[in-house]
Protein backbone atom coordinates (compact mmCIF):
# COMPACT_ATOMS: atom_id res chain seq x y z
CA MET A 1 78.15 -55.01 102.10
CA ARG A 2 76.69 -57.67 99.82
CA PHE A 3 74.41 -60.09 101.56
CA LEU A 4 71.73 -62.71 101.06
CA LEU A 5 68.72 -62.69 103.37
CA ASP A 6 67.07 -65.97 104.21
CA ALA A 7 63.33 -66.20 104.89
CA SER A 8 63.72 -65.84 108.66
CA SER A 9 65.58 -62.55 108.26
CA THR A 10 63.27 -61.23 105.56
CA LEU A 11 60.29 -61.96 107.81
CA GLN A 12 62.03 -60.31 110.76
CA LEU A 13 62.70 -57.13 108.78
CA ILE A 14 59.16 -56.97 107.41
CA LYS A 15 57.58 -57.40 110.84
CA LYS A 16 59.92 -55.35 113.02
CA LEU A 17 61.18 -52.35 111.05
CA GLU A 18 59.57 -49.28 109.62
CA GLU A 19 58.90 -49.78 105.91
CA ASP A 20 61.51 -47.33 104.59
CA MET A 21 64.26 -48.79 106.81
CA ALA A 22 63.35 -52.37 105.86
CA LEU A 23 63.34 -51.48 102.17
CA ARG A 24 66.65 -49.64 102.45
CA ILE A 25 68.31 -52.67 104.05
CA LEU A 26 66.65 -55.15 101.72
CA SER A 27 67.42 -53.17 98.59
CA GLU A 28 71.13 -53.48 99.40
CA GLY A 29 70.96 -57.25 99.55
CA CYS A 30 69.66 -60.23 97.66
CA VAL A 31 66.83 -62.64 98.33
CA LEU A 32 66.55 -66.18 97.07
CA ASP A 33 63.68 -66.78 94.65
CA LEU A 34 62.15 -69.36 96.98
CA GLY A 35 62.22 -66.89 99.89
CA LYS A 36 58.96 -65.22 98.90
CA TYR A 37 57.17 -68.56 99.22
CA GLU A 38 58.76 -69.33 102.58
CA VAL A 39 57.90 -65.90 103.99
CA GLY A 40 54.41 -66.04 102.51
CA ASN A 41 53.83 -69.44 104.07
CA ALA A 42 55.11 -68.24 107.47
CA LEU A 43 52.72 -65.27 107.38
CA TRP A 44 49.85 -67.52 106.32
CA LYS A 45 50.56 -69.86 109.25
CA GLU A 46 50.66 -66.94 111.71
CA HIS A 47 47.33 -65.62 110.47
CA ILE A 48 45.33 -68.73 109.61
CA LEU A 49 46.69 -71.45 111.90
CA ARG A 50 48.11 -69.63 114.92
CA HIS A 51 45.95 -66.48 114.86
CA THR A 52 48.93 -64.41 116.03
CA ILE A 53 48.47 -61.66 113.44
CA THR A 54 45.26 -59.92 112.44
CA GLU A 55 43.86 -59.74 108.94
CA ASP A 56 45.02 -56.11 108.69
CA GLU A 57 48.55 -57.10 109.76
CA PHE A 58 48.48 -60.02 107.32
CA ASP A 59 47.53 -57.65 104.48
CA GLU A 60 50.16 -55.10 105.51
CA PHE A 61 52.93 -57.69 105.77
CA PHE A 62 52.06 -58.98 102.29
CA ARG A 63 52.12 -55.45 100.93
CA LEU A 64 55.60 -55.07 102.42
CA LEU A 65 56.70 -58.47 101.12
CA THR A 66 55.59 -57.46 97.63
CA SER A 67 57.55 -54.22 97.90
CA VAL A 68 60.61 -56.10 99.16
CA ILE A 69 60.51 -58.51 96.23
CA ILE A 70 60.10 -55.65 93.76
CA HIS A 71 63.06 -53.74 95.23
CA SER A 72 65.46 -56.60 95.93
CA LYS A 73 67.83 -58.43 93.67
CA ILE A 74 66.49 -61.94 93.22
CA VAL A 75 69.00 -64.79 93.02
CA ARG A 76 68.36 -68.47 92.42
CA VAL A 77 69.95 -71.85 92.63
CA GLU A 78 70.95 -72.93 89.16
CA ALA A 79 70.22 -76.47 88.00
CA GLN A 80 73.90 -77.41 87.90
CA ASP A 81 74.21 -76.41 91.59
CA LEU A 82 71.53 -78.81 92.84
CA PRO A 83 74.00 -81.65 93.58
CA ASP A 84 76.09 -79.24 95.69
CA VAL A 85 72.97 -78.12 97.57
CA ALA A 86 72.10 -81.76 98.23
CA LYS A 87 75.62 -82.46 99.54
CA ILE A 88 75.47 -79.52 101.94
CA ALA A 89 71.99 -80.54 103.14
CA ALA A 90 73.12 -84.11 103.78
CA LYS A 91 76.47 -83.23 105.35
CA GLU A 92 75.09 -80.52 107.63
CA LYS A 93 71.72 -82.21 108.31
CA ILE A 94 69.79 -79.11 107.26
CA THR A 95 66.84 -78.83 104.90
CA PHE A 96 67.37 -78.60 101.18
CA TYR A 97 65.80 -75.13 101.37
CA ASP A 98 68.36 -73.98 103.94
CA ALA A 99 71.22 -75.59 102.02
CA SER A 100 70.10 -73.57 98.98
CA TYR A 101 70.80 -70.35 100.88
CA VAL A 102 74.23 -71.66 101.90
CA GLU A 103 75.15 -72.67 98.35
CA VAL A 104 74.08 -69.34 96.84
CA ALA A 105 75.85 -67.31 99.53
CA LYS A 106 79.00 -69.38 99.10
CA GLY A 107 78.88 -69.34 95.30
CA GLN A 108 78.25 -65.60 95.02
CA ASN A 109 80.49 -64.60 97.94
CA LEU A 110 77.60 -63.14 99.94
CA ILE A 111 77.14 -62.85 103.69
CA LEU A 112 74.18 -64.99 104.71
CA ILE A 113 71.79 -63.09 106.98
CA THR A 114 69.73 -65.49 109.09
CA GLU A 115 67.96 -65.61 112.44
CA ASP A 116 68.12 -69.42 112.38
CA GLN A 117 70.96 -70.46 114.69
CA LYS A 118 71.19 -74.00 113.31
CA LEU A 119 71.47 -72.64 109.76
CA ALA A 120 74.01 -70.00 110.83
CA LYS A 121 76.19 -72.64 112.47
CA ALA A 122 76.12 -74.86 109.37
CA ALA A 123 76.55 -71.96 106.95
CA ALA A 124 79.56 -70.56 108.84
CA LYS A 125 81.58 -73.49 107.49
CA TYR A 126 81.02 -72.19 103.94
CA THR A 127 80.43 -68.43 104.11
CA LYS A 128 80.19 -65.50 106.50
CA THR A 129 76.96 -65.13 108.45
CA ALA A 130 75.19 -62.36 110.38
CA THR A 131 71.77 -61.47 111.78
CA THR A 132 69.36 -58.64 111.08
CA ASN A 133 70.55 -57.01 114.31
CA ASP A 134 74.04 -56.90 112.81
CA LEU A 135 72.62 -55.18 109.71
CA GLN A 136 70.68 -52.66 111.77
CA ARG A 137 73.80 -51.74 113.77
CA GLU A 138 75.56 -50.89 110.50
CA LYS A 139 72.76 -48.53 109.40
């Protein structure tokens, strides 16, 4: 199965699965180039602003994120696709970031893996969607 993981799913896999299982799943899919910044920012917020993860967990999650990025295929929104991203964002009332995932999944015929229900609902109009639980059931 070819799939694209959004930041919510990448974060879920990093935090919930054993490293080798997370890497096995992630190495079979793609991540958007902006995903590493979104996941990094989410981890930073959890550690610095919310204090929901310890410094050791923060360090471990970043080690895993680095490994994920190294082992995953990185895809990006091309400049000529920006108007299409903007149209999806406006039509579906989702962020430009989220619309980027939809456009790439649609354009590269990938299943979009997301934990974000609003994004999944919007994306389903353009491409197939699933969650990390769906991926885990397949493994």
